[in-house]
Amino acid sequence: MVLIAQFIGSLFGTTAIIFGAFGAHALKKIMTVEQLSSFETGVKYQMYHALVLLMLSFNMNLDTALEKYMVYCFILGTFLFSFSIYGLCISSAKGKKWKFLGPVTPLGGLFLVAGWALLLYSFVQNYF
């Protein structure tokens, strides 16, 4: 599980940099300020959770069920949250908004909240 978290964290970090540069340069020409702001939110959350995955993988064994669920929540939540925002922003800028992605973003957000709640629970369980 540690290697998975490190691989996915590194992949998310790498693609967040690429998407951030893509948004700042290429998409700036076709997106509104609001669309670009939303796209940047996706990039920020992707980078935050890339770093979380890397920190967890270097500081925890990730061998308990709790730790595995936490990592899965962060991976799935980041993918659903950030990539649905990218799809919504790009499709909207092209005039064909993919509305089916609308409900995916908050679902990703729920997985991210669950990941953070599981992390909090693991701290409470281990230290109190």
N, C-alpha and C. Protein backbone atom coordinates (compact mmCIF):
# COMPACT_ATOMS: atom_id res chain seq x y z
N MET A 1 0.83 -1.20 0.00
CA MET A 1 0.00 0.00 0.00
C MET A 1 0.87 1.25 0.00
N VAL A 2 2.03 1.18 0.66
CA VAL A 2 2.92 2.35 0.71
C VAL A 2 3.35 2.73 -0.70
N LEU A 3 3.73 1.73 -1.50
CA LEU A 3 4.17 2.02 -2.87
C LEU A 3 3.05 2.60 -3.72
N ILE A 4 1.84 2.12 -3.51
CA ILE A 4 0.69 2.66 -4.26
C ILE A 4 0.49 4.13 -3.90
N ALA A 5 0.50 4.43 -2.60
CA ALA A 5 0.32 5.82 -2.16
C ALA A 5 1.44 6.71 -2.69
N GLN A 6 2.66 6.21 -2.70
CA GLN A 6 3.78 7.00 -3.22
C GLN A 6 3.65 7.20 -4.72
N PHE A 7 3.27 6.16 -5.44
CA PHE A 7 3.12 6.27 -6.89
C PHE A 7 2.00 7.24 -7.25
N ILE A 8 0.82 7.04 -6.65
CA ILE A 8 -0.32 7.90 -6.96
C ILE A 8 -0.06 9.32 -6.49
N GLY A 9 0.53 9.49 -5.32
CA GLY A 9 0.87 10.84 -4.84
C GLY A 9 1.82 11.54 -5.80
N SER A 10 2.82 10.83 -6.28
CA SER A 10 3.76 11.41 -7.24
C SER A 10 3.08 11.72 -8.57
N LEU A 11 2.20 10.81 -9.02
CA LEU A 11 1.45 11.03 -10.25
C LEU A 11 0.53 12.24 -10.13
N PHE A 12 -0.19 12.33 -9.01
CA PHE A 12 -1.06 13.49 -8.79
C PHE A 12 -0.25 14.78 -8.74
N GLY A 13 0.90 14.75 -8.08
CA GLY A 13 1.75 15.95 -8.00
C GLY A 13 2.24 16.38 -9.37
N THR A 14 2.72 15.42 -10.14
CA THR A 14 3.22 15.71 -11.48
C THR A 14 2.12 16.29 -12.37
N THR A 15 0.97 15.64 -12.38
CA THR A 15 -0.11 16.12 -13.24
C THR A 15 -0.70 17.43 -12.74
N ALA A 16 -0.65 17.69 -11.44
CA ALA A 16 -1.12 18.98 -10.93
C ALA A 16 -0.25 20.11 -11.47
N ILE A 17 1.06 19.91 -11.52
CA ILE A 17 1.95 20.92 -12.08
C ILE A 17 1.65 21.13 -13.56
N ILE A 18 1.48 20.03 -14.29
CA ILE A 18 1.18 20.13 -15.73
C ILE A 18 -0.15 20.83 -15.96
N PHE A 19 -1.19 20.41 -15.21
CA PHE A 19 -2.50 21.03 -15.39
C PHE A 19 -2.50 22.50 -14.97
N GLY A 20 -1.75 22.81 -13.92
CA GLY A 20 -1.65 24.21 -13.49
C GLY A 20 -1.02 25.08 -14.56
N ALA A 21 0.04 24.59 -15.17
CA ALA A 21 0.69 25.34 -16.25
C ALA A 21 -0.23 25.43 -17.47
N PHE A 22 -0.90 24.33 -17.77
CA PHE A 22 -1.85 24.31 -18.89
C PHE A 22 -2.96 25.33 -18.68
N GLY A 23 -3.48 25.37 -17.45
CA GLY A 23 -4.53 26.34 -17.13
C GLY A 23 -4.05 27.77 -17.20
N ALA A 24 -2.86 28.01 -16.67
CA ALA A 24 -2.33 29.39 -16.64
C ALA A 24 -1.97 29.91 -18.02
N HIS A 25 -1.63 29.03 -18.93
CA HIS A 25 -1.18 29.49 -20.24
C HIS A 25 -2.18 29.21 -21.36
N ALA A 26 -2.50 27.96 -21.59
CA ALA A 26 -3.35 27.61 -22.73
C ALA A 26 -4.83 27.91 -22.47
N LEU A 27 -5.32 27.57 -21.28
CA LEU A 27 -6.75 27.74 -21.01
C LEU A 27 -7.13 29.18 -20.72
N LYS A 28 -6.15 29.97 -20.35
CA LYS A 28 -6.41 31.38 -20.04
C LYS A 28 -7.08 32.09 -21.23
N LYS A 29 -6.79 31.61 -22.42
CA LYS A 29 -7.30 32.23 -23.64
C LYS A 29 -8.74 31.85 -23.94
N ILE A 30 -9.19 30.69 -23.43
CA ILE A 30 -10.54 30.23 -23.79
C ILE A 30 -11.52 30.21 -22.62
N MET A 31 -11.03 30.39 -21.39
CA MET A 31 -11.91 30.31 -20.22
C MET A 31 -12.22 31.69 -19.66
N THR A 32 -13.39 31.75 -19.03
CA THR A 32 -13.73 32.96 -18.29
C THR A 32 -12.92 32.96 -16.98
N VAL A 33 -12.93 34.09 -16.30
CA VAL A 33 -12.23 34.18 -15.02
C VAL A 33 -12.81 33.18 -14.03
N GLU A 34 -14.12 33.01 -14.03
CA GLU A 34 -14.78 32.07 -13.11
C GLU A 34 -14.38 30.63 -13.44
N GLN A 35 -14.36 30.27 -14.72
CA GLN A 35 -13.97 28.93 -15.12
C GLN A 35 -12.51 28.65 -14.75
N LEU A 36 -11.66 29.62 -14.98
CA LEU A 36 -10.24 29.46 -14.66
C LEU A 36 -10.04 29.32 -13.15
N SER A 37 -10.81 30.06 -12.38
CA SER A 37 -10.74 29.96 -10.92
C SER A 37 -11.16 28.56 -10.46
N SER A 38 -12.22 28.01 -11.05
CA SER A 38 -12.66 26.66 -10.70
C SER A 38 -11.60 25.64 -11.09
N PHE A 39 -11.01 25.80 -12.28
CA PHE A 39 -9.96 24.89 -12.73
C PHE A 39 -8.79 24.92 -11.75
N GLU A 40 -8.41 26.12 -11.30
CA GLU A 40 -7.32 26.26 -10.34
C GLU A 40 -7.65 25.60 -9.01
N THR A 41 -8.92 25.63 -8.61
CA THR A 41 -9.34 24.94 -7.38
C THR A 41 -9.08 23.44 -7.52
N GLY A 42 -9.41 22.88 -8.67
CA GLY A 42 -9.13 21.47 -8.90
C GLY A 42 -7.64 21.16 -8.80
N VAL A 43 -6.82 22.04 -9.38
CA VAL A 43 -5.36 21.85 -9.34
C VAL A 43 -4.86 21.93 -7.90
N LYS A 44 -5.33 22.92 -7.15
CA LYS A 44 -4.88 23.07 -5.75
C LYS A 44 -5.23 21.83 -4.92
N TYR A 45 -6.49 21.38 -5.01
CA TYR A 45 -6.90 20.22 -4.23
C TYR A 45 -6.13 18.98 -4.65
N GLN A 46 -5.84 18.86 -5.95
CA GLN A 46 -5.06 17.73 -6.41
C GLN A 46 -3.66 17.77 -5.79
N MET A 47 -3.04 18.94 -5.77
CA MET A 47 -1.68 19.05 -5.21
C MET A 47 -1.70 18.83 -3.70
N TYR A 48 -2.69 19.41 -3.02
CA TYR A 48 -2.76 19.21 -1.56
C TYR A 48 -2.80 17.72 -1.24
N HIS A 49 -3.63 16.99 -1.98
CA HIS A 49 -3.81 15.57 -1.65
C HIS A 49 -2.69 14.69 -2.19
N ALA A 50 -1.98 15.17 -3.20
CA ALA A 50 -0.74 14.48 -3.60
C ALA A 50 0.25 14.53 -2.45
N LEU A 51 0.38 15.70 -1.84
CA LEU A 51 1.30 15.85 -0.71
C LEU A 51 0.85 15.03 0.49
N VAL A 52 -0.45 15.00 0.75
CA VAL A 52 -0.97 14.19 1.86
C VAL A 52 -0.64 12.72 1.64
N LEU A 53 -0.87 12.22 0.43
CA LEU A 53 -0.56 10.81 0.15
C LEU A 53 0.92 10.52 0.37
N LEU A 54 1.77 11.42 -0.08
CA LEU A 54 3.21 11.21 0.11
C LEU A 54 3.59 11.25 1.59
N MET A 55 3.04 12.22 2.32
CA MET A 55 3.35 12.30 3.75
C MET A 55 2.87 11.06 4.50
N LEU A 56 1.67 10.60 4.18
CA LEU A 56 1.16 9.39 4.83
C LEU A 56 2.04 8.19 4.51
N SER A 57 2.46 8.09 3.25
CA SER A 57 3.24 6.92 2.85
C SER A 57 4.63 6.90 3.48
N PHE A 58 5.14 8.06 3.85
CA PHE A 58 6.45 8.11 4.49
C PHE A 58 6.37 8.05 6.02
N ASN A 59 5.18 8.25 6.57
CA ASN A 59 5.04 8.30 8.03
C ASN A 59 4.18 7.20 8.63
N MET A 60 3.50 6.44 7.81
CA MET A 60 2.65 5.35 8.31
C MET A 60 2.98 4.08 7.53
N ASN A 61 2.71 2.96 8.12
CA ASN A 61 2.93 1.69 7.41
C ASN A 61 1.85 1.41 6.36
N LEU A 62 0.68 2.00 6.57
CA LEU A 62 -0.47 1.82 5.68
C LEU A 62 -0.83 0.34 5.52
N ASP A 63 -0.76 -0.37 6.63
CA ASP A 63 -1.07 -1.79 6.58
C ASP A 63 -2.37 -2.16 7.30
N THR A 64 -2.93 -1.25 8.07
CA THR A 64 -4.20 -1.53 8.74
C THR A 64 -5.35 -1.18 7.79
N ALA A 65 -6.51 -1.75 8.07
CA ALA A 65 -7.69 -1.47 7.25
C ALA A 65 -8.01 0.02 7.27
N LEU A 66 -7.91 0.63 8.44
CA LEU A 66 -8.19 2.06 8.58
C LEU A 66 -7.28 2.89 7.68
N GLU A 67 -6.00 2.58 7.71
CA GLU A 67 -5.04 3.33 6.90
C GLU A 67 -5.27 3.10 5.40
N LYS A 68 -5.61 1.89 5.03
CA LYS A 68 -5.90 1.59 3.62
C LYS A 68 -7.14 2.34 3.14
N TYR A 69 -8.20 2.33 3.94
CA TYR A 69 -9.41 3.06 3.57
C TYR A 69 -9.13 4.55 3.43
N MET A 70 -8.31 5.06 4.32
CA MET A 70 -7.93 6.48 4.28
C MET A 70 -7.27 6.81 2.94
N VAL A 71 -6.30 5.99 2.57
CA VAL A 71 -5.58 6.21 1.31
C VAL A 71 -6.53 6.09 0.12
N TYR A 72 -7.39 5.06 0.14
CA TYR A 72 -8.36 4.90 -0.95
C TYR A 72 -9.29 6.11 -1.05
N CYS A 73 -9.72 6.63 0.09
CA CYS A 73 -10.58 7.81 0.08
C CYS A 73 -9.87 9.01 -0.52
N PHE A 74 -8.62 9.20 -0.16
CA PHE A 74 -7.86 10.33 -0.72
C PHE A 74 -7.64 10.16 -2.23
N ILE A 75 -7.33 8.96 -2.67
CA ILE A 75 -7.09 8.73 -4.09
C ILE A 75 -8.38 8.91 -4.89
N LEU A 76 -9.42 8.21 -4.48
CA LEU A 76 -10.69 8.29 -5.20
C LEU A 76 -11.28 9.70 -5.12
N GLY A 77 -11.23 10.29 -3.94
CA GLY A 77 -11.78 11.63 -3.77
C GLY A 77 -11.06 12.65 -4.63
N THR A 78 -9.74 12.58 -4.68
CA THR A 78 -8.97 13.52 -5.50
C THR A 78 -9.31 13.34 -6.97
N PHE A 79 -9.34 12.09 -7.40
CA PHE A 79 -9.66 11.83 -8.81
C PHE A 79 -11.05 12.36 -9.16
N LEU A 80 -12.06 11.99 -8.37
CA LEU A 80 -13.42 12.42 -8.67
C LEU A 80 -13.58 13.93 -8.57
N PHE A 81 -13.02 14.53 -7.52
CA PHE A 81 -13.17 15.96 -7.30
C PHE A 81 -12.45 16.77 -8.38
N SER A 82 -11.15 16.61 -8.46
CA SER A 82 -10.37 17.45 -9.35
C SER A 82 -10.65 17.19 -10.83
N PHE A 83 -10.71 15.92 -11.21
CA PHE A 83 -10.88 15.63 -12.63
C PHE A 83 -12.28 15.95 -13.13
N SER A 84 -13.28 15.90 -12.26
CA SER A 84 -14.62 16.33 -12.68
C SER A 84 -14.64 17.84 -12.88
N ILE A 85 -13.91 18.57 -12.04
CA ILE A 85 -13.82 20.03 -12.23
C ILE A 85 -13.12 20.33 -13.56
N TYR A 86 -12.04 19.62 -13.85
CA TYR A 86 -11.36 19.85 -15.13
C TYR A 86 -12.31 19.61 -16.29
N GLY A 87 -13.03 18.50 -16.24
CA GLY A 87 -13.97 18.19 -17.31
C GLY A 87 -15.07 19.22 -17.44
N LEU A 88 -15.61 19.65 -16.31
CA LEU A 88 -16.68 20.66 -16.34
C LEU A 88 -16.17 21.98 -16.92
N CYS A 89 -15.00 22.41 -16.50
CA CYS A 89 -14.45 23.68 -16.97
C CYS A 89 -14.10 23.66 -18.45
N ILE A 90 -13.42 22.62 -18.87
CA ILE A 90 -13.00 22.55 -20.27
C ILE A 90 -14.21 22.38 -21.19
N SER A 91 -15.14 21.50 -20.82
CA SER A 91 -16.32 21.30 -21.67
C SER A 91 -17.17 22.56 -21.71
N SER A 92 -17.27 23.27 -20.61
CA SER A 92 -18.04 24.51 -20.57
C SER A 92 -17.39 25.58 -21.44
N ALA A 93 -16.07 25.66 -21.40
CA ALA A 93 -15.35 26.65 -22.21
C ALA A 93 -15.53 26.36 -23.70
N LYS A 94 -15.74 25.10 -24.04
CA LYS A 94 -15.94 24.70 -25.44
C LYS A 94 -17.42 24.80 -25.85
N GLY A 95 -18.28 25.20 -24.90
CA GLY A 95 -19.70 25.39 -25.21
C GLY A 95 -20.55 24.14 -25.11
N LYS A 96 -20.02 23.05 -24.62
CA LYS A 96 -20.77 21.80 -24.48
C LYS A 96 -20.54 21.23 -23.10
N LYS A 97 -21.07 21.89 -22.09
CA LYS A 97 -20.82 21.50 -20.70
C LYS A 97 -21.33 20.09 -20.42
N TRP A 98 -20.44 19.28 -19.86
CA TRP A 98 -20.78 17.91 -19.49
C TRP A 98 -21.47 17.93 -18.13
N LYS A 99 -22.78 18.12 -18.16
CA LYS A 99 -23.55 18.28 -16.93
C LYS A 99 -23.54 17.03 -16.05
N PHE A 100 -23.32 15.87 -16.65
CA PHE A 100 -23.30 14.63 -15.86
C PHE A 100 -22.17 14.64 -14.83
N LEU A 101 -21.15 15.50 -15.03
CA LEU A 101 -20.05 15.59 -14.08
C LEU A 101 -20.41 16.42 -12.84
N GLY A 102 -21.49 17.19 -12.92
CA GLY A 102 -21.89 18.05 -11.80
C GLY A 102 -21.99 17.31 -10.46
N PRO A 103 -22.68 16.18 -10.40
CA PRO A 103 -22.79 15.45 -9.13
C PRO A 103 -21.51 14.71 -8.72
N VAL A 104 -20.58 14.54 -9.65
CA VAL A 104 -19.35 13.81 -9.35
C VAL A 104 -18.44 14.62 -8.41
N THR A 105 -18.42 15.94 -8.62
CA THR A 105 -17.54 16.79 -7.82
C THR A 105 -17.84 16.70 -6.32
N PRO A 106 -19.10 16.87 -5.89
CA PRO A 106 -19.36 16.74 -4.45
C PRO A 106 -19.15 15.33 -3.93
N LEU A 107 -19.34 14.32 -4.77
CA LEU A 107 -19.06 12.95 -4.35
C LEU A 107 -17.56 12.80 -4.06
N GLY A 108 -16.73 13.37 -4.92
CA GLY A 108 -15.29 13.38 -4.66
C GLY A 108 -14.97 14.11 -3.38
N GLY A 109 -15.65 15.24 -3.16
CA GLY A 109 -15.46 16.00 -1.93
C GLY A 109 -15.82 15.18 -0.69
N LEU A 110 -16.87 14.37 -0.79
CA LEU A 110 -17.25 13.51 0.34
C LEU A 110 -16.17 12.48 0.64
N PHE A 111 -15.57 11.92 -0.41
CA PHE A 111 -14.47 10.98 -0.19
C PHE A 111 -13.28 11.67 0.46
N LEU A 112 -13.00 12.91 0.06
CA LEU A 112 -11.90 13.65 0.68
C LEU A 112 -12.19 13.92 2.16
N VAL A 113 -13.41 14.31 2.47
CA VAL A 113 -13.80 14.52 3.86
C VAL A 113 -13.66 13.22 4.65
N ALA A 114 -14.08 12.12 4.04
CA ALA A 114 -13.96 10.82 4.72
C ALA A 114 -12.50 10.48 4.98
N GLY A 115 -11.63 10.75 4.01
CA GLY A 115 -10.20 10.50 4.21
C GLY A 115 -9.64 11.30 5.36
N TRP A 116 -10.01 12.57 5.43
CA TRP A 116 -9.53 13.42 6.54
C TRP A 116 -10.12 12.96 7.86
N ALA A 117 -11.39 12.56 7.86
CA ALA A 117 -12.02 12.08 9.10
C ALA A 117 -11.35 10.78 9.57
N LEU A 118 -11.00 9.91 8.64
CA LEU A 118 -10.29 8.68 9.01
C LEU A 118 -8.89 8.99 9.55
N LEU A 119 -8.24 9.98 8.99
CA LEU A 119 -6.93 10.39 9.51
C LEU A 119 -7.07 10.92 10.93
N LEU A 120 -8.07 11.76 11.16
CA LEU A 120 -8.34 12.27 12.50
C LEU A 120 -8.62 11.13 13.47
N TYR A 121 -9.46 10.19 13.03
CA TYR A 121 -9.78 9.04 13.87
C TYR A 121 -8.53 8.23 14.21
N SER A 122 -7.63 8.07 13.24
CA SER A 122 -6.41 7.30 13.52
C SER A 122 -5.54 8.00 14.55
N PHE A 123 -5.51 9.33 14.51
CA PHE A 123 -4.75 10.07 15.52
C PHE A 123 -5.39 9.92 16.90
N VAL A 124 -6.70 10.06 16.96
CA VAL A 124 -7.42 9.92 18.23
C VAL A 124 -7.23 8.51 18.77
N GLN A 125 -7.34 7.52 17.92
CA GLN A 125 -7.20 6.13 18.32
C GLN A 125 -5.77 5.84 18.84
N ASN A 126 -4.77 6.42 18.22
CA ASN A 126 -3.38 6.13 18.59
C ASN A 126 -2.85 6.99 19.74
N TYR A 127 -3.41 8.15 19.96
CA TYR A 127 -2.79 9.07 20.92
C TYR A 127 -3.67 9.43 22.12
N PHE A 128 -4.91 8.99 22.13
CA PHE A 128 -5.77 9.34 23.26
C PHE A 128 -6.37 8.12 23.89
